[in-house]
Amino acid sequence: MRTVGNSREKAKLVERNCQLSIRRQCELLGIPRSVVYYQLSGESPENLALMENIDKLHLEDPAAGSRRMFKYLRRLTGKQIGRRKVRRLMRVMGVEAIYPRKRTTIPGGPEGIFPYRLRGLTISRPNQVWCADISYIPMRRGYVYLFAIMDWYSRRIIDWEISTTLDTAFCILCLKRALNDFGAPEIMNTDQGCQFTSEKWIDCLQDAGVTISMDGKGRWVDNVMIERFWRSIKYEDIYLKSYENPKQLTQGIAAYVLRYNTIRPHESLDDKTPDEIYRGEVKKAA
């Protein structure tokens, strides 16, 4: 399995509009041509329904791993669902149980882990701390991943982007757009996902002079603000409307984020909207 995975990663380097033929590029990369032409088949409707249920159950019980999750699904569906299938689907979704882990070493090198810098910090103004995360979003026929950046103080969604793959490119695209439109925050807080420990993500933040903060492994509560947003958008919009395709989903997310930022009052903000808090404080600072 590791060899196949590595081959598929190398296949992404093959360029169709290149002076070298695809055959020659594959020879240089040491991969078979079949890997380049291979297209992953989509999940069956049954598996898509299971994935949506896994997503809902994960919001309810973030500590549930595949051992507990397949038992939940058996109770929910009345079917003899195997743990191996559930484990595979959770990997596809990017869903992982949250629990304390032993950590005796911190990975170094270009793809390193940064310390959590928000402990004991008073967050008192917009653009002091941004947080970012990725979440699985189900559709009626398929699924995508939603990346969002939030201002911690005002709860305002700064920007967002969707992708059909869990890569780094769409996160970088959204980050660069946010930095260009709103300027750089003082601190960016994320989890330790591979997208956020990648060299490109780290370089983009460091080039903008942003201090990088990362949650401890399994510490979802460190990024609790954006976790609340995932719950809100899924239960108030995504699950209710069951969008047909990415185009409809994009329109739905755009409408929800606009409503979330400008219309929906937040009790934690004294019933003001995130946009009122964000733009009001920014004007005062100016």
C-alpha atoms as a PDB file:
ATOM      1  CA  MET A   1       0.000   0.000   0.000  1.00  0.00           C
ATOM      2  CA  ARG A   2       2.827   2.402   0.748  1.00  0.00           C
ATOM      3  CA  THR A   3       4.299   1.825  -2.731  1.00  0.00           C
ATOM      4  CA  VAL A   4       0.982   2.527  -4.430  1.00  0.00           C
ATOM      5  CA  GLY A   5       0.531   5.688  -2.387  1.00  0.00           C
ATOM      6  CA  ASN A   6       4.027   6.911  -3.244  1.00  0.00           C
ATOM      7  CA  SER A   7       3.430   6.167  -6.928  1.00  0.00           C
ATOM      8  CA  ARG A   8       0.240   8.200  -6.950  1.00  0.00           C
ATOM      9  CA  GLU A   9       2.034  11.100  -5.302  1.00  0.00           C
ATOM     10  CA  LYS A  10       4.759  10.937  -7.961  1.00  0.00           C
ATOM     11  CA  ALA A  11       2.102  10.735 -10.682  1.00  0.00           C
ATOM     12  CA  LYS A  12       1.060  14.286  -9.766  1.00  0.00           C
ATOM     13  CA  LEU A  13       4.452  15.459 -11.045  1.00  0.00           C
ATOM     14  CA  VAL A  14       3.763  14.210 -14.582  1.00  0.00           C
ATOM     15  CA  GLU A  15       2.987  17.078 -16.967  1.00  0.00           C
ATOM     16  CA  ARG A  16       0.925  16.384 -20.063  1.00  0.00           C
ATOM     17  CA  ASN A  17       2.087  19.556 -21.856  1.00  0.00           C
ATOM     18  CA  CYS A  18       5.781  18.777 -21.669  1.00  0.00           C
ATOM     19  CA  GLN A  19       8.564  18.187 -24.180  1.00  0.00           C
ATOM     20  CA  LEU A  20       9.144  14.788 -22.603  1.00  0.00           C
ATOM     21  CA  SER A  21       6.582  12.109 -23.372  1.00  0.00           C
ATOM     22  CA  ILE A  22       4.461  10.707 -20.556  1.00  0.00           C
ATOM     23  CA  ARG A  23       6.251   7.377 -21.047  1.00  0.00           C
ATOM     24  CA  ARG A  24       9.662   9.031 -20.516  1.00  0.00           C
ATOM     25  CA  GLN A  25       8.462  11.054 -17.505  1.00  0.00           C
ATOM     26  CA  CYS A  26       7.157   7.859 -15.891  1.00  0.00           C
ATOM     27  CA  GLU A  27      10.488   6.135 -16.539  1.00  0.00           C
ATOM     28  CA  LEU A  28      12.389   8.995 -14.872  1.00  0.00           C
ATOM     29  CA  LEU A  29      10.024   8.963 -11.874  1.00  0.00           C
ATOM     30  CA  GLY A  30      10.118   5.163 -11.667  1.00  0.00           C
ATOM     31  CA  ILE A  31       6.347   4.693 -11.871  1.00  0.00           C
ATOM     32  CA  PRO A  32       4.113   2.716 -14.269  1.00  0.00           C
ATOM     33  CA  ARG A  33       2.057   4.680 -16.797  1.00  0.00           C
ATOM     34  CA  SER A  34      -1.118   3.060 -15.500  1.00  0.00           C
ATOM     35  CA  VAL A  35      -0.815   5.121 -12.322  1.00  0.00           C
ATOM     36  CA  VAL A  36      -0.950   8.337 -14.355  1.00  0.00           C
ATOM     37  CA  TYR A  37      -4.099   7.345 -16.219  1.00  0.00           C
ATOM     38  CA  TYR A  38      -5.812   5.714 -13.248  1.00  0.00           C
ATOM     39  CA  GLN A  39      -8.830   7.597 -11.889  1.00  0.00           C
ATOM     40  CA  LEU A  40     -10.077   6.819  -8.407  1.00  0.00           C
ATOM     41  CA  SER A  41     -13.651   5.571  -8.496  1.00  0.00           C
ATOM     42  CA  GLY A  42     -16.174   7.476  -6.438  1.00  0.00           C
ATOM     43  CA  GLU A  43     -17.754   6.095  -3.298  1.00  0.00           C
ATOM     44  CA  SER A  44     -21.035   4.213  -3.605  1.00  0.00           C
ATOM     45  CA  PRO A  45     -24.275   5.879  -2.441  1.00  0.00           C
ATOM     46  CA  GLU A  46     -24.246   3.509   0.545  1.00  0.00           C
ATOM     47  CA  ASN A  47     -20.746   4.605   1.545  1.00  0.00           C
ATOM     48  CA  LEU A  48     -21.623   8.293   1.055  1.00  0.00           C
ATOM     49  CA  ALA A  49     -24.552   7.846   3.442  1.00  0.00           C
ATOM     50  CA  LEU A  50     -22.227   6.190   5.960  1.00  0.00           C
ATOM     51  CA  MET A  51     -19.732   9.039   5.598  1.00  0.00           C
ATOM     52  CA  GLU A  52     -22.418  11.609   6.336  1.00  0.00           C
ATOM     53  CA  ASN A  53     -23.403   9.661   9.454  1.00  0.00           C
ATOM     54  CA  ILE A  54     -19.749   9.408  10.504  1.00  0.00           C
ATOM     55  CA  ASP A  55     -19.439  13.172  10.130  1.00  0.00           C
ATOM     56  CA  LYS A  56     -22.495  13.775  12.332  1.00  0.00           C
ATOM     57  CA  LEU A  57     -21.343  11.260  14.940  1.00  0.00           C
ATOM     58  CA  HIS A  58     -17.849  12.766  14.986  1.00  0.00           C
ATOM     59  CA  LEU A  59     -19.355  16.169  15.835  1.00  0.00           C
ATOM     60  CA  GLU A  60     -21.264  14.542  18.683  1.00  0.00           C
ATOM     61  CA  ASP A  61     -18.371  12.399  19.947  1.00  0.00           C
ATOM     62  CA  PRO A  62     -14.962  13.636  18.706  1.00  0.00           C
ATOM     63  CA  ALA A  63     -13.189  10.987  20.799  1.00  0.00           C
ATOM     64  CA  ALA A  64     -14.789   8.092  18.911  1.00  0.00           C
ATOM     65  CA  GLY A  65     -12.329   6.094  16.847  1.00  0.00           C
ATOM     66  CA  SER A  66     -13.173   3.344  14.378  1.00  0.00           C
ATOM     67  CA  ARG A  67     -13.761   0.842  17.231  1.00  0.00           C
ATOM     68  CA  ARG A  68     -16.576   2.926  18.686  1.00  0.00           C
ATOM     69  CA  MET A  69     -17.746   4.469  15.423  1.00  0.00           C
ATOM     70  CA  PHE A  70     -18.639   1.179  13.711  1.00  0.00           C
ATOM     71  CA  LYS A  71     -20.725   0.224  16.771  1.00  0.00           C
ATOM     72  CA  TYR A  72     -22.547   3.568  16.574  1.00  0.00           C
ATOM     73  CA  LEU A  73     -23.242   2.943  12.890  1.00  0.00           C
ATOM     74  CA  ARG A  74     -24.515  -0.584  13.515  1.00  0.00           C
ATOM     75  CA  ARG A  75     -26.985   0.758  16.083  1.00  0.00           C
ATOM     76  CA  LEU A  76     -27.993   3.642  13.807  1.00  0.00           C
ATOM     77  CA  THR A  77     -28.462   1.662  10.589  1.00  0.00           C
ATOM     78  CA  GLY A  78     -29.248  -1.808  11.877  1.00  0.00           C
ATOM     79  CA  LYS A  79     -26.675  -3.237   9.452  1.00  0.00           C
ATOM     80  CA  GLN A  80     -23.603  -5.359  10.145  1.00  0.00           C
ATOM     81  CA  ILE A  81     -21.046  -2.712   9.174  1.00  0.00           C
ATOM     82  CA  GLY A  82     -17.424  -3.777   9.557  1.00  0.00           C
ATOM     83  CA  ARG A  83     -14.761  -1.834  11.390  1.00  0.00           C
ATOM     84  CA  ARG A  84     -12.313  -2.018   8.474  1.00  0.00           C
ATOM     85  CA  LYS A  85     -14.762  -0.213   6.184  1.00  0.00           C
ATOM     86  CA  VAL A  86     -15.407   2.469   8.804  1.00  0.00           C
ATOM     87  CA  ARG A  87     -11.683   2.935   9.361  1.00  0.00           C
ATOM     88  CA  ARG A  88     -11.100   3.385   5.618  1.00  0.00           C
ATOM     89  CA  LEU A  89     -13.939   5.896   5.264  1.00  0.00           C
ATOM     90  CA  MET A  90     -12.674   7.891   8.236  1.00  0.00           C
ATOM     91  CA  ARG A  91      -9.257   8.090   6.572  1.00  0.00           C
ATOM     92  CA  VAL A  92     -10.824   9.280   3.314  1.00  0.00           C
ATOM     93  CA  MET A  93     -12.743  11.954   5.228  1.00  0.00           C
ATOM     94  CA  GLY A  94      -9.753  13.088   7.243  1.00  0.00           C
ATOM     95  CA  VAL A  95     -11.648  12.278  10.451  1.00  0.00           C
ATOM     96  CA  GLU A  96      -9.537  11.161  13.402  1.00  0.00           C
ATOM     97  CA  ALA A  97     -10.439  10.380  16.993  1.00  0.00           C
ATOM     98  CA  ILE A  98      -9.311  13.018  19.481  1.00  0.00           C
ATOM     99  CA  TYR A  99      -7.546  11.616  22.529  1.00  0.00           C
ATOM    100  CA  PRO A 100      -4.343  12.242  24.488  1.00  0.00           C
ATOM    101  CA  ARG A 101      -1.248  10.687  22.933  1.00  0.00           C
ATOM    102  CA  LYS A 102       2.240  10.131  24.268  1.00  0.00           C
ATOM    103  CA  ARG A 103       4.586  12.623  22.645  1.00  0.00           C
ATOM    104  CA  THR A 104       8.230  12.078  23.414  1.00  0.00           C
ATOM    105  CA  THR A 105       9.650  13.790  20.325  1.00  0.00           C
ATOM    106  CA  ILE A 106       8.718  16.715  18.087  1.00  0.00           C
ATOM    107  CA  PRO A 107       9.339  16.270  14.353  1.00  0.00           C
ATOM    108  CA  GLY A 108      11.882  18.739  13.041  1.00  0.00           C
ATOM    109  CA  GLY A 109      13.170  19.693   9.617  1.00  0.00           C
ATOM    110  CA  PRO A 110      11.330  21.788   7.015  1.00  0.00           C
ATOM    111  CA  GLU A 111       7.951  20.283   7.952  1.00  0.00           C
ATOM    112  CA  GLY A 112       8.042  20.984  11.681  1.00  0.00           C
ATOM    113  CA  ILE A 113       5.645  21.470  14.550  1.00  0.00           C
ATOM    114  CA  PHE A 114       5.294  24.875  16.197  1.00  0.00           C
ATOM    115  CA  PRO A 115       4.316  25.444  19.848  1.00  0.00           C
ATOM    116  CA  TYR A 116       0.852  26.483  20.996  1.00  0.00           C
ATOM    117  CA  ARG A 117       1.098  30.222  21.686  1.00  0.00           C
ATOM    118  CA  LEU A 118      -2.412  31.120  22.877  1.00  0.00           C
ATOM    119  CA  ARG A 119      -2.230  29.665  26.385  1.00  0.00           C
ATOM    120  CA  GLY A 120      -2.765  32.515  28.845  1.00  0.00           C
ATOM    121  CA  LEU A 121      -2.961  35.075  26.025  1.00  0.00           C
ATOM    122  CA  THR A 122      -5.658  37.769  26.253  1.00  0.00           C
ATOM    123  CA  ILE A 123      -7.187  38.135  22.802  1.00  0.00           C
ATOM    124  CA  SER A 124      -8.553  41.678  22.757  1.00  0.00           C
ATOM    125  CA  ARG A 125      -8.675  42.898  19.149  1.00  0.00           C
ATOM    126  CA  PRO A 126      -9.334  41.813  15.564  1.00  0.00           C
ATOM    127  CA  ASN A 127      -6.421  40.466  13.528  1.00  0.00           C
ATOM    128  CA  GLN A 128      -4.551  39.574  16.698  1.00  0.00           C
ATOM    129  CA  VAL A 129      -5.240  35.855  16.191  1.00  0.00           C
ATOM    130  CA  TRP A 130      -6.635  34.019  13.201  1.00  0.00           C
ATOM    131  CA  CYS A 131      -7.435  30.317  13.256  1.00  0.00           C
ATOM    132  CA  ALA A 132      -7.880  27.939  10.330  1.00  0.00           C
ATOM    133  CA  ASP A 133      -9.137  24.417   9.805  1.00  0.00           C
ATOM    134  CA  ILE A 134     -10.474  21.935   7.217  1.00  0.00           C
ATOM    135  CA  SER A 135     -13.711  19.982   7.470  1.00  0.00           C
ATOM    136  CA  TYR A 136     -15.423  17.253   5.459  1.00  0.00           C
ATOM    137  CA  ILE A 137     -18.622  18.453   3.749  1.00  0.00           C
ATOM    138  CA  PRO A 138     -21.122  15.888   2.390  1.00  0.00           C
ATOM    139  CA  MET A 139     -23.231  16.459  -0.722  1.00  0.00           C
ATOM    140  CA  ARG A 140     -26.050  14.405  -2.191  1.00  0.00           C
ATOM    141  CA  ARG A 141     -23.612  12.907  -4.706  1.00  0.00           C
ATOM    142  CA  GLY A 142     -20.108  13.046  -3.331  1.00  0.00           C
ATOM    143  CA  TYR A 143     -18.261  15.284  -0.931  1.00  0.00           C
ATOM    144  CA  VAL A 144     -15.729  18.109  -0.730  1.00  0.00           C
ATOM    145  CA  TYR A 145     -13.452  19.630   1.894  1.00  0.00           C
ATOM    146  CA  LEU A 146     -14.070  23.119   3.246  1.00  0.00           C
ATOM    147  CA  PHE A 147     -11.177  25.265   4.456  1.00  0.00           C
ATOM    148  CA  ALA A 148     -11.951  28.380   6.486  1.00  0.00           C
ATOM    149  CA  ILE A 149     -10.024  31.144   8.217  1.00  0.00           C
ATOM    150  CA  MET A 150     -11.644  32.851  11.221  1.00  0.00           C
ATOM    151  CA  ASP A 151     -10.717  35.916  13.246  1.00  0.00           C
ATOM    152  CA  TRP A 152     -10.646  34.618  16.824  1.00  0.00           C
ATOM    153  CA  TYR A 153     -11.729  37.864  18.540  1.00  0.00           C
ATOM    154  CA  SER A 154     -14.734  38.735  16.364  1.00  0.00           C
ATOM    155  CA  ARG A 155     -15.603  35.163  15.173  1.00  0.00           C
ATOM    156  CA  ARG A 156     -15.732  36.612  11.640  1.00  0.00           C
ATOM    157  CA  ILE A 157     -15.047  34.196   8.762  1.00  0.00           C
ATOM    158  CA  ILE A 158     -12.226  35.966   6.964  1.00  0.00           C
ATOM    159  CA  ASP A 159     -12.217  33.707   3.891  1.00  0.00           C
ATOM    160  CA  TRP A 160     -12.950  30.156   2.793  1.00  0.00           C
ATOM    161  CA  GLU A 161     -12.339  27.729  -0.068  1.00  0.00           C
ATOM    162  CA  ILE A 162     -13.529  24.249  -1.088  1.00  0.00           C
ATOM    163  CA  SER A 163     -11.647  21.411  -2.764  1.00  0.00           C
ATOM    164  CA  THR A 164     -12.373  17.866  -3.860  1.00  0.00           C
ATOM    165  CA  THR A 165      -8.999  16.730  -2.483  1.00  0.00           C
ATOM    166  CA  LEU A 166      -7.262  17.103   0.868  1.00  0.00           C
ATOM    167  CA  ASP A 167      -4.221  18.875  -0.490  1.00  0.00           C
ATOM    168  CA  THR A 168      -2.378  22.038   0.530  1.00  0.00           C
ATOM    169  CA  ALA A 169      -2.937  24.101  -2.619  1.00  0.00           C
ATOM    170  CA  PHE A 170      -6.483  25.277  -1.848  1.00  0.00           C
ATOM    171  CA  CYS A 171      -5.447  26.253   1.695  1.00  0.00           C
ATOM    172  CA  ILE A 172      -2.563  28.347   0.351  1.00  0.00           C
ATOM    173  CA  LEU A 173      -4.854  29.967  -2.228  1.00  0.00           C
ATOM    174  CA  CYS A 174      -7.311  31.008   0.483  1.00  0.00           C
ATOM    175  CA  LEU A 175      -4.554  32.166   2.855  1.00  0.00           C
ATOM    176  CA  LYS A 176      -2.904  34.387   0.234  1.00  0.00           C
ATOM    177  CA  ARG A 177      -6.277  35.910  -0.659  1.00  0.00           C
ATOM    178  CA  ALA A 178      -7.026  36.610   3.011  1.00  0.00           C
ATOM    179  CA  LEU A 179      -3.608  38.198   3.598  1.00  0.00           C
ATOM    180  CA  ASN A 180      -4.058  40.372   0.524  1.00  0.00           C
ATOM    181  CA  ASP A 181      -7.600  41.494   1.448  1.00  0.00           C
ATOM    182  CA  PHE A 182      -7.284  41.895   5.227  1.00  0.00           C
ATOM    183  CA  GLY A 183      -3.567  42.173   5.963  1.00  0.00           C
ATOM    184  CA  ALA A 184      -1.561  39.827   8.154  1.00  0.00           C
ATOM    185  CA  PRO A 185      -2.682  38.753  11.631  1.00  0.00           C
ATOM    186  CA  GLU A 186      -0.210  38.674  14.498  1.00  0.00           C
ATOM    187  CA  ILE A 187      -0.744  34.940  15.115  1.00  0.00           C
ATOM    188  CA  MET A 188      -2.185  32.098  13.038  1.00  0.00           C
ATOM    189  CA  ASN A 189      -3.394  29.082  15.013  1.00  0.00           C
ATOM    190  CA  THR A 190      -4.080  25.680  13.427  1.00  0.00           C
ATOM    191  CA  ASP A 191      -3.894  22.010  14.274  1.00  0.00           C
ATOM    192  CA  GLN A 192      -0.926  19.839  13.286  1.00  0.00           C
ATOM    193  CA  GLY A 193      -2.432  18.597  10.020  1.00  0.00           C
ATOM    194  CA  CYS A 194      -0.071  17.936   7.121  1.00  0.00           C
ATOM    195  CA  GLN A 195      -1.400  20.962   5.252  1.00  0.00           C
ATOM    196  CA  PHE A 196      -0.352  23.268   8.087  1.00  0.00           C
ATOM    197  CA  THR A 197       3.032  21.691   8.713  1.00  0.00           C
ATOM    198  CA  SER A 198       3.909  21.839   5.009  1.00  0.00           C
ATOM    199  CA  GLU A 199       6.804  23.993   3.884  1.00  0.00           C
ATOM    200  CA  LYS A 200       4.603  26.092   1.571  1.00  0.00           C
ATOM    201  CA  TRP A 201       2.117  26.967   4.341  1.00  0.00           C
ATOM    202  CA  ILE A 202       4.859  27.836   6.819  1.00  0.00           C
ATOM    203  CA  ASP A 203       6.798  29.899   4.270  1.00  0.00           C
ATOM    204  CA  CYS A 204       3.676  31.856   3.319  1.00  0.00           C
ATOM    205  CA  LEU A 205       3.006  32.824   6.945  1.00  0.00           C
ATOM    206  CA  GLN A 206       6.615  33.579   7.797  1.00  0.00           C
ATOM    207  CA  ASP A 207       7.023  35.734   4.682  1.00  0.00           C
ATOM    208  CA  ALA A 208       4.040  37.776   5.921  1.00  0.00           C
ATOM    209  CA  GLY A 209       5.579  38.119   9.399  1.00  0.00           C
ATOM    210  CA  VAL A 210       2.909  35.980  11.087  1.00  0.00           C
ATOM    211  CA  THR A 211       3.692  34.062  14.287  1.00  0.00           C
ATOM    212  CA  ILE A 212       2.694  30.402  13.903  1.00  0.00           C
ATOM    213  CA  SER A 213       0.798  28.586  16.661  1.00  0.00           C
ATOM    214  CA  MET A 214      -0.289  24.936  16.597  1.00  0.00           C
ATOM    215  CA  ASP A 215      -2.610  22.950  18.839  1.00  0.00           C
ATOM    216  CA  GLY A 216      -1.248  20.046  20.827  1.00  0.00           C
ATOM    217  CA  LYS A 217      -1.950  16.643  19.274  1.00  0.00           C
ATOM    218  CA  GLY A 218      -5.573  15.728  19.908  1.00  0.00           C
ATOM    219  CA  ARG A 219      -6.297  19.136  21.497  1.00  0.00           C
ATOM    220  CA  TRP A 220      -9.346  20.158  19.443  1.00  0.00           C
ATOM    221  CA  VAL A 221     -10.386  22.525  22.256  1.00  0.00           C
ATOM    222  CA  ASP A 222      -7.366  24.734  21.444  1.00  0.00           C
ATOM    223  CA  ASN A 223      -9.096  25.650  18.179  1.00  0.00           C
ATOM    224  CA  VAL A 224     -12.598  25.546  19.609  1.00  0.00           C
ATOM    225  CA  MET A 225     -13.844  28.711  17.872  1.00  0.00           C
ATOM    226  CA  ILE A 226     -13.703  27.285  14.380  1.00  0.00           C
ATOM    227  CA  GLU A 227     -14.911  23.885  15.628  1.00  0.00           C
ATOM    228  CA  ARG A 228     -18.102  25.663  16.723  1.00  0.00           C
ATOM    229  CA  PHE A 229     -18.431  27.156  13.252  1.00  0.00           C
ATOM    230  CA  TRP A 230     -18.247  23.680  11.676  1.00  0.00           C
ATOM    231  CA  ARG A 231     -21.074  22.534  13.888  1.00  0.00           C
ATOM    232  CA  SER A 232     -23.142  25.625  13.085  1.00  0.00           C
ATOM    233  CA  ILE A 233     -22.808  25.490   9.298  1.00  0.00           C
ATOM    234  CA  LYS A 234     -23.423  21.751   9.135  1.00  0.00           C
ATOM    235  CA  TYR A 235     -26.518  21.607  11.346  1.00  0.00           C
ATOM    236  CA  GLU A 236     -27.991  24.928  10.208  1.00  0.00           C
ATOM    237  CA  ASP A 237     -27.327  24.526   6.490  1.00  0.00           C
ATOM    238  CA  ILE A 238     -25.367  21.583   5.018  1.00  0.00           C
ATOM    239  CA  TYR A 239     -27.345  18.704   6.525  1.00  0.00           C
ATOM    240  CA  LEU A 240     -30.691  20.437   5.995  1.00  0.00           C
ATOM    241  CA  LYS A 241     -30.198  21.309   2.325  1.00  0.00           C
ATOM    242  CA  SER A 242     -28.145  18.346   1.082  1.00  0.00           C
ATOM    243  CA  TYR A 243     -26.585  20.156  -1.877  1.00  0.00           C
ATOM    244  CA  GLU A 244     -26.479  18.338  -5.198  1.00  0.00           C
ATOM    245  CA  ASN A 245     -23.050  19.390  -6.525  1.00  0.00           C
ATOM    246  CA  PRO A 246     -20.061  21.674  -5.785  1.00  0.00           C
ATOM    247  CA  LYS A 247     -21.611  24.618  -7.663  1.00  0.00           C
ATOM    248  CA  GLN A 248     -24.770  24.574  -5.533  1.00  0.00           C
ATOM    249  CA  LEU A 249     -22.691  23.942  -2.421  1.00  0.00           C
ATOM    250  CA  THR A 250     -20.443  26.937  -3.147  1.00  0.00           C
ATOM    251  CA  GLN A 251     -23.479  29.175  -3.523  1.00  0.00           C
ATOM    252  CA  GLY A 252     -24.967  27.791  -0.299  1.00  0.00           C
ATOM    253  CA  ILE A 253     -21.770  28.251   1.709  1.00  0.00           C
ATOM    254  CA  ALA A 254     -21.362  31.811   0.382  1.00  0.00           C
ATOM    255  CA  ALA A 255     -24.912  32.670   1.451  1.00  0.00           C
ATOM    256  CA  TYR A 256     -24.461  31.086   4.877  1.00  0.00           C
ATOM    257  CA  VAL A 257     -21.117  32.791   5.557  1.00  0.00           C
ATOM    258  CA  LEU A 258     -22.612  36.159   4.566  1.00  0.00           C
ATOM    259  CA  ARG A 259     -25.510  35.550   6.946  1.00  0.00           C
ATOM    260  CA  TYR A 260     -23.170  34.285   9.685  1.00  0.00           C
ATOM    261  CA  ASN A 261     -20.911  37.335   9.405  1.00  0.00           C
ATOM    262  CA  THR A 262     -23.475  40.106   8.930  1.00  0.00           C
ATOM    263  CA  ILE A 263     -26.921  39.034  10.174  1.00  0.00           C
ATOM    264  CA  ARG A 264     -26.710  36.194  12.720  1.00  0.00           C
ATOM    265  CA  PRO A 265     -26.299  37.621  16.271  1.00  0.00           C
ATOM    266  CA  HIS A 266     -23.842  35.911  18.646  1.00  0.00           C
ATOM    267  CA  GLU A 267     -24.539  35.717  22.370  1.00  0.00           C
ATOM    268  CA  SER A 268     -20.798  35.736  23.097  1.00  0.00           C
ATOM    269  CA  LEU A 269     -20.590  39.068  21.233  1.00  0.00           C
ATOM    270  CA  ASP A 270     -23.454  40.682  23.192  1.00  0.00           C
ATOM    271  CA  ASP A 271     -25.819  39.821  20.337  1.00  0.00           C
ATOM    272  CA  LYS A 272     -23.749  41.723  17.798  1.00  0.00           C
ATOM    273  CA  THR A 273     -22.640  40.190  14.523  1.00  0.00           C
ATOM    274  CA  PRO A 274     -19.023  39.202  13.809  1.00  0.00           C
ATOM    275  CA  ASP A 275     -18.862  41.834  11.069  1.00  0.00           C
ATOM    276  CA  GLU A 276     -19.993  44.597  13.440  1.00  0.00           C
ATOM    277  CA  ILE A 277     -17.318  43.649  15.962  1.00  0.00           C
ATOM    278  CA  TYR A 278     -14.565  43.176  13.378  1.00  0.00           C
ATOM    279  CA  ARG A 279     -15.135  46.321  11.323  1.00  0.00           C
ATOM    280  CA  GLY A 280     -16.008  48.454  14.354  1.00  0.00           C
ATOM    281  CA  GLU A 281     -12.784  47.598  16.169  1.00  0.00           C
ATOM    282  CA  VAL A 282     -10.700  47.951  13.010  1.00  0.00           C
ATOM    283  CA  LYS A 283     -12.116  51.466  12.469  1.00  0.00           C
ATOM    284  CA  LYS A 284     -11.284  52.422  16.064  1.00  0.00           C
ATOM    285  CA  ALA A 285      -7.718  51.202  15.662  1.00  0.00           C
ATOM    286  CA  ALA A 286      -7.359  53.220  12.446  1.00  0.00           C
END
